[in-house]
Amino acid sequence: MAVVNFQPLLPVGGLPGWVLLNNTLDRQTDLFNKSPQIVRDTEYFEQNIGNVRTADDLVSDRRLLQVALGAFGLGDDLNSQALIKKVLEEGTSDPGSLANRLADERYKKLSDAFGFGELGFPRTGLSGFGREITDRFRSVEFEVAVGAQDESLRLAMNANRELGEVLQSEGTEDAKWFTIMGTPPLRRVFETALGLPSSFGQLDIDRQLETFKEMAVDKLGIDSLDDLNADEAKEDFIRQYLLRDQLASFQVQSSNSIALTLLQSTPNLFQTQ
């Protein structure tokens, strides 16, 4: 993961922070994209990715791999070269490939983007491929920088971007829900916005799907995910996530405060009489 000496301006969190962030987003992302480390990483990738022909070429170059993984929110896997190489080499056409067997949908997106496991030549040689990946890398890395100060705002930004990709993808309504369920950051936002407990993920996968769809109707007032294509509906969804997340945070803080008060006011039963 790139180490960037840039801190987004986030004086407040929650919904007020979201509003401020969006009002200043163009200026802040411009400054971020011009930071020396981001410039060095993206220029190196764009200049060298065209020479990459195999998955081994990519994982053997740590600087290239850092940008490739970062673009898909997989920066923590930088030292897992064997895993990433297998994901890239096997592609996604075979249902039994590693990318298809992993629960996290981001591995499939990574494999599809580079195309090493498919017939023909990988996409690395295509004109504009380098810029396609670096544009994505800049967006995700800015979210990471936001998350260093406020994880909830990072997840809100991530959901805003990834939800758009899901809605534009081909596939059935259920397929889109399964993509959401298999993308951990996006799933977390939906679970919070819909008021689902952390234990929800232990249910049978089909029951989870049914519950997501039922709760989306009840809590978001949508009959289909495509309803979130409307900017207003998507913004209402993000705001509901932030409000519920902030409420949960207040409840935890209140519980901790009550527990601390009780501990401080309770006599020491083991004190020598």
Protein backbone atom coordinates (compact mmCIF):
# COMPACT_ATOMS: atom_id res chain seq x y z
CA MET A 1 0.00 0.00 0.00
CA ALA A 2 1.33 3.41 -0.92
CA VAL A 3 2.46 5.60 1.96
CA VAL A 4 1.08 9.04 1.15
CA ASN A 5 1.81 12.14 3.22
CA PHE A 6 -1.63 13.62 2.62
CA GLN A 7 -4.44 13.96 5.11
CA PRO A 8 -7.91 14.80 3.82
CA LEU A 9 -9.68 17.67 5.55
CA LEU A 10 -12.22 15.95 7.80
CA PRO A 11 -12.94 18.11 10.87
CA VAL A 12 -16.16 16.19 11.59
CA GLY A 13 -17.48 12.71 10.92
CA GLY A 14 -20.85 11.13 10.28
CA LEU A 15 -23.39 12.84 8.04
CA PRO A 16 -21.93 16.36 8.48
CA GLY A 17 -18.53 14.96 7.48
CA TRP A 18 -20.06 13.32 4.41
CA VAL A 19 -21.62 16.60 3.29
CA LEU A 20 -18.35 18.50 3.82
CA LEU A 21 -16.33 15.82 2.06
CA ASN A 22 -18.56 15.91 -1.01
CA ASN A 23 -18.51 19.70 -1.12
CA THR A 24 -14.70 19.73 -1.16
CA LEU A 25 -14.09 16.46 -3.01
CA ASP A 26 -12.77 17.86 -6.30
CA ARG A 27 -10.20 20.06 -4.58
CA GLN A 28 -9.10 17.41 -2.09
CA THR A 29 -8.76 14.62 -4.67
CA ASP A 30 -6.78 16.95 -6.94
CA LEU A 31 -4.29 17.65 -4.15
CA PHE A 32 -4.13 13.96 -3.29
CA ASN A 33 -3.49 12.91 -6.89
CA LYS A 34 -0.62 15.41 -7.11
CA SER A 35 1.12 14.08 -3.99
CA PRO A 36 4.64 12.85 -4.90
CA GLN A 37 4.13 9.19 -3.94
CA ILE A 38 0.91 8.84 -5.92
CA VAL A 39 2.52 10.50 -8.94
CA ARG A 40 5.55 8.20 -8.76
CA ASP A 41 3.48 5.03 -8.34
CA THR A 42 1.00 5.79 -11.12
CA GLU A 43 3.62 7.00 -13.59
CA TYR A 44 5.70 3.86 -13.03
CA PHE A 45 2.66 1.66 -13.57
CA GLU A 46 1.56 3.39 -16.76
CA GLN A 47 5.09 3.31 -18.18
CA ASN A 48 5.77 -0.35 -17.42
CA ILE A 49 2.51 -2.32 -17.41
CA GLY A 50 2.61 -2.68 -21.20
CA ASN A 51 5.68 -4.90 -20.87
CA VAL A 52 3.85 -7.35 -18.60
CA ARG A 53 2.70 -10.48 -20.42
CA THR A 54 2.16 -13.02 -17.62
CA ALA A 55 0.87 -13.13 -14.08
CA ASP A 56 4.39 -13.97 -12.96
CA ASP A 57 5.68 -10.76 -14.58
CA LEU A 58 3.19 -8.77 -12.53
CA VAL A 59 3.69 -10.38 -9.14
CA SER A 60 7.47 -10.25 -9.59
CA ASP A 61 7.38 -6.45 -9.74
CA ARG A 62 6.31 -5.21 -6.33
CA ARG A 63 5.69 -1.64 -7.51
CA LEU A 64 3.38 -2.77 -10.29
CA LEU A 65 1.62 -5.25 -8.03
CA GLN A 66 1.04 -2.59 -5.39
CA VAL A 67 -0.93 -0.45 -7.82
CA ALA A 68 -2.75 -3.43 -9.33
CA LEU A 69 -3.94 -4.68 -5.94
CA GLY A 70 -4.61 -1.22 -4.56
CA ALA A 71 -6.93 -0.48 -7.47
CA PHE A 72 -9.23 -3.26 -6.28
CA GLY A 73 -8.97 -2.66 -2.55
CA LEU A 74 -6.67 -5.64 -2.08
CA GLY A 75 -3.58 -3.78 -0.95
CA ASP A 76 -3.27 -5.94 2.16
CA ASP A 77 -2.46 -8.91 -0.13
CA LEU A 78 0.79 -7.38 -1.38
CA ASN A 79 2.82 -10.11 0.32
CA SER A 80 0.53 -12.92 -0.85
CA GLN A 81 2.14 -13.31 -4.27
CA ALA A 82 1.36 -17.02 -4.61
CA LEU A 83 -2.35 -16.45 -3.99
CA ILE A 84 -2.54 -13.50 -6.38
CA LYS A 85 -0.59 -15.31 -9.09
CA LYS A 86 -3.02 -18.23 -8.97
CA VAL A 87 -6.02 -15.88 -9.04
CA LEU A 88 -4.63 -14.14 -12.11
CA GLU A 89 -3.46 -17.25 -13.97
CA GLU A 90 -6.67 -19.25 -13.60
CA GLY A 91 -8.99 -16.45 -14.72
CA THR A 92 -12.73 -16.62 -14.13
CA SER A 93 -14.13 -18.65 -17.05
CA ASP A 94 -13.80 -21.93 -15.16
CA PRO A 95 -16.31 -22.12 -12.26
CA GLY A 96 -13.66 -24.05 -10.33
CA SER A 97 -10.97 -21.38 -10.65
CA LEU A 98 -9.62 -19.88 -7.44
CA ALA A 99 -11.14 -16.46 -8.09
CA ASN A 100 -14.56 -18.05 -8.39
CA ARG A 101 -14.09 -20.14 -5.27
CA LEU A 102 -13.04 -17.23 -3.08
CA ALA A 103 -15.94 -15.53 -1.29
CA ASP A 104 -14.58 -12.03 -1.95
CA GLU A 105 -15.78 -10.77 -5.34
CA ARG A 106 -12.84 -8.36 -5.60
CA TYR A 107 -10.55 -11.20 -6.67
CA LYS A 108 -12.77 -11.88 -9.67
CA LYS A 109 -12.71 -8.21 -10.61
CA LEU A 110 -8.92 -8.22 -10.42
CA SER A 111 -8.60 -11.35 -12.54
CA ASP A 112 -11.09 -10.11 -15.14
CA ALA A 113 -9.38 -6.73 -15.39
CA PHE A 114 -5.98 -8.19 -16.31
CA GLY A 115 -7.21 -11.18 -18.32
CA PHE A 116 -4.15 -13.41 -17.87
CA GLY A 117 -6.26 -16.53 -17.48
CA GLU A 118 -8.35 -16.08 -20.62
CA LEU A 119 -7.63 -17.04 -24.23
CA GLY A 120 -5.64 -14.57 -26.29
CA PHE A 121 -3.44 -11.81 -24.93
CA PRO A 122 -3.81 -10.19 -21.51
CA ARG A 123 -5.34 -6.72 -21.36
CA THR A 124 -2.05 -5.23 -20.20
CA GLY A 125 -1.06 -4.57 -23.81
CA LEU A 126 -4.19 -2.59 -24.63
CA SER A 127 -3.91 1.13 -25.19
CA GLY A 128 -5.25 2.98 -22.19
CA PHE A 129 -5.15 -0.03 -19.87
CA GLY A 130 -2.52 1.54 -17.62
CA ARG A 131 -4.60 4.69 -17.16
CA GLU A 132 -7.72 2.61 -16.52
CA ILE A 133 -6.04 0.92 -13.56
CA THR A 134 -4.30 4.04 -12.21
CA ASP A 135 -7.55 6.02 -12.28
CA ARG A 136 -9.10 3.32 -10.16
CA PHE A 137 -6.03 3.18 -7.92
CA ARG A 138 -6.21 6.93 -7.23
CA SER A 139 -9.87 6.68 -6.24
CA VAL A 140 -9.36 3.74 -3.91
CA GLU A 141 -6.21 5.16 -2.33
CA PHE A 142 -8.01 8.43 -1.58
CA GLU A 143 -10.67 6.36 0.18
CA VAL A 144 -7.89 4.68 2.16
CA ALA A 145 -6.58 8.12 3.17
CA VAL A 146 -10.08 9.11 4.29
CA GLY A 147 -10.37 5.84 6.21
CA ALA A 148 -7.21 6.59 8.16
CA GLN A 149 -9.24 9.35 9.83
CA ASP A 150 -12.80 8.04 9.59
CA GLU A 151 -13.53 4.45 8.55
CA SER A 152 -17.25 5.10 8.19
CA LEU A 153 -16.69 7.82 5.61
CA ARG A 154 -14.31 5.53 3.75
CA LEU A 155 -16.97 2.83 3.58
CA ALA A 156 -19.53 5.39 2.42
CA MET A 157 -17.24 6.51 -0.41
CA ASN A 158 -16.45 2.93 -1.33
CA ALA A 159 -20.15 2.04 -1.42
CA ASN A 160 -20.97 5.03 -3.57
CA ARG A 161 -18.37 3.95 -6.14
CA GLU A 162 -18.82 0.17 -6.04
CA LEU A 163 -22.60 0.27 -5.99
CA GLY A 164 -22.48 2.16 -9.27
CA GLU A 165 -20.35 -0.61 -10.78
CA VAL A 166 -22.72 -3.32 -9.55
CA LEU A 167 -25.79 -1.57 -10.93
CA GLN A 168 -24.14 -1.10 -14.34
CA SER A 169 -23.09 -4.74 -14.56
CA GLU A 170 -24.99 -7.35 -16.53
CA GLY A 171 -26.85 -10.05 -14.70
CA THR A 172 -30.02 -10.75 -12.82
CA GLU A 173 -31.24 -9.00 -9.69
CA ASP A 174 -30.10 -11.97 -7.61
CA ALA A 175 -26.65 -11.95 -9.27
CA LYS A 176 -26.20 -8.30 -8.29
CA TRP A 177 -27.23 -9.04 -4.73
CA PHE A 178 -24.73 -11.91 -4.58
CA THR A 179 -22.02 -9.51 -5.79
CA ILE A 180 -22.91 -7.11 -2.97
CA MET A 181 -22.94 -9.96 -0.46
CA GLY A 182 -19.52 -11.11 -1.69
CA THR A 183 -17.86 -7.67 -1.50
CA PRO A 184 -17.03 -7.18 2.21
CA PRO A 185 -16.93 -3.34 2.38
CA LEU A 186 -20.13 -2.96 0.35
CA ARG A 187 -21.87 -5.72 2.28
CA ARG A 188 -21.01 -4.02 5.57
CA VAL A 189 -22.66 -0.78 4.43
CA PHE A 190 -25.82 -2.61 3.38
CA GLU A 191 -25.98 -4.58 6.63
CA THR A 192 -25.66 -1.38 8.67
CA ALA A 193 -28.13 0.61 6.56
CA LEU A 194 -30.68 -2.21 6.78
CA GLY A 195 -30.14 -2.74 10.52
CA LEU A 196 -28.95 -6.34 10.17
CA PRO A 197 -26.93 -7.90 13.04
CA SER A 198 -23.32 -9.04 12.69
CA SER A 199 -24.45 -12.66 13.11
CA PHE A 200 -26.56 -12.37 9.96
CA GLY A 201 -23.73 -13.77 7.82
CA GLN A 202 -24.04 -17.15 9.54
CA LEU A 203 -27.41 -17.83 7.90
CA ASP A 204 -27.85 -20.00 4.81
CA ILE A 205 -26.82 -18.00 1.72
CA ASP A 206 -30.29 -18.21 0.14
CA ARG A 207 -31.87 -17.02 3.37
CA GLN A 208 -29.44 -14.11 3.44
CA LEU A 209 -30.44 -13.15 -0.09
CA GLU A 210 -34.13 -13.30 0.79
CA THR A 211 -33.58 -11.15 3.88
CA PHE A 212 -31.54 -8.53 2.02
CA LYS A 213 -34.29 -8.17 -0.58
CA GLU A 214 -37.07 -8.00 2.02
CA MET A 215 -35.23 -5.45 4.14
CA ALA A 216 -34.40 -3.30 1.10
CA VAL A 217 -38.13 -2.98 0.44
CA ASP A 218 -38.88 -2.28 4.10
CA LYS A 219 -36.00 0.05 5.01
CA LEU A 220 -35.03 1.64 1.68
CA GLY A 221 -38.39 1.56 -0.06
CA ILE A 222 -36.97 -0.02 -3.21
CA ASP A 223 -38.38 -2.96 -5.14
CA SER A 224 -35.19 -3.49 -7.14
CA LEU A 225 -31.52 -2.57 -6.81
CA ASP A 226 -31.89 -0.66 -10.07
CA ASP A 227 -33.95 1.87 -8.11
CA LEU A 228 -30.65 2.97 -6.53
CA ASN A 229 -29.47 4.16 -9.95
CA ALA A 230 -31.24 7.42 -9.18
CA ASP A 231 -28.81 9.82 -7.53
CA GLU A 232 -31.32 10.82 -4.88
CA ALA A 233 -32.07 7.21 -3.94
CA LYS A 234 -28.38 6.32 -3.73
CA GLU A 235 -27.67 9.39 -1.60
CA ASP A 236 -30.56 8.50 0.74
CA PHE A 237 -29.08 5.00 1.09
CA ILE A 238 -25.62 6.37 1.99
CA ARG A 239 -27.12 8.81 4.45
CA GLN A 240 -29.14 6.05 6.12
CA TYR A 241 -25.95 4.02 6.51
CA LEU A 242 -24.11 6.94 8.12
CA LEU A 243 -26.97 7.77 10.47
CA ARG A 244 -27.36 4.16 11.63
CA ASP A 245 -23.60 3.77 11.98
CA GLN A 246 -23.36 6.94 14.07
CA LEU A 247 -26.30 5.84 16.23
CA ALA A 248 -24.62 2.49 16.87
CA SER A 249 -21.41 4.30 17.78
CA PHE A 250 -23.25 6.53 20.25
CA GLN A 251 -24.88 3.48 21.84
CA VAL A 252 -21.50 1.77 22.28
CA GLN A 253 -19.98 4.92 23.76
CA SER A 254 -22.95 5.29 26.11
CA SER A 255 -22.71 1.66 27.23
CA ASN A 256 -18.98 2.00 27.84
CA SER A 257 -19.54 5.20 29.79
CA ILE A 258 -22.19 3.54 31.99
CA ALA A 259 -19.94 0.52 32.58
CA LEU A 260 -17.01 2.77 33.54
CA THR A 261 -19.18 4.75 35.93
CA LEU A 262 -20.39 1.56 37.60
CA LEU A 263 -16.85 0.26 37.96
CA GLN A 264 -15.64 3.52 39.46
CA SER A 265 -18.52 3.66 41.94
CA THR A 266 -18.36 0.01 43.01
CA PRO A 267 -16.46 -0.54 46.29
CA ASN A 268 -13.40 -2.75 46.11
CA LEU A 269 -14.72 -6.02 47.51
CA PHE A 270 -11.23 -7.29 48.05
CA GLN A 271 -10.06 -4.27 50.01
CA THR A 272 -8.64 -5.23 53.38
CA GLN A 273 -11.10 -4.37 56.12
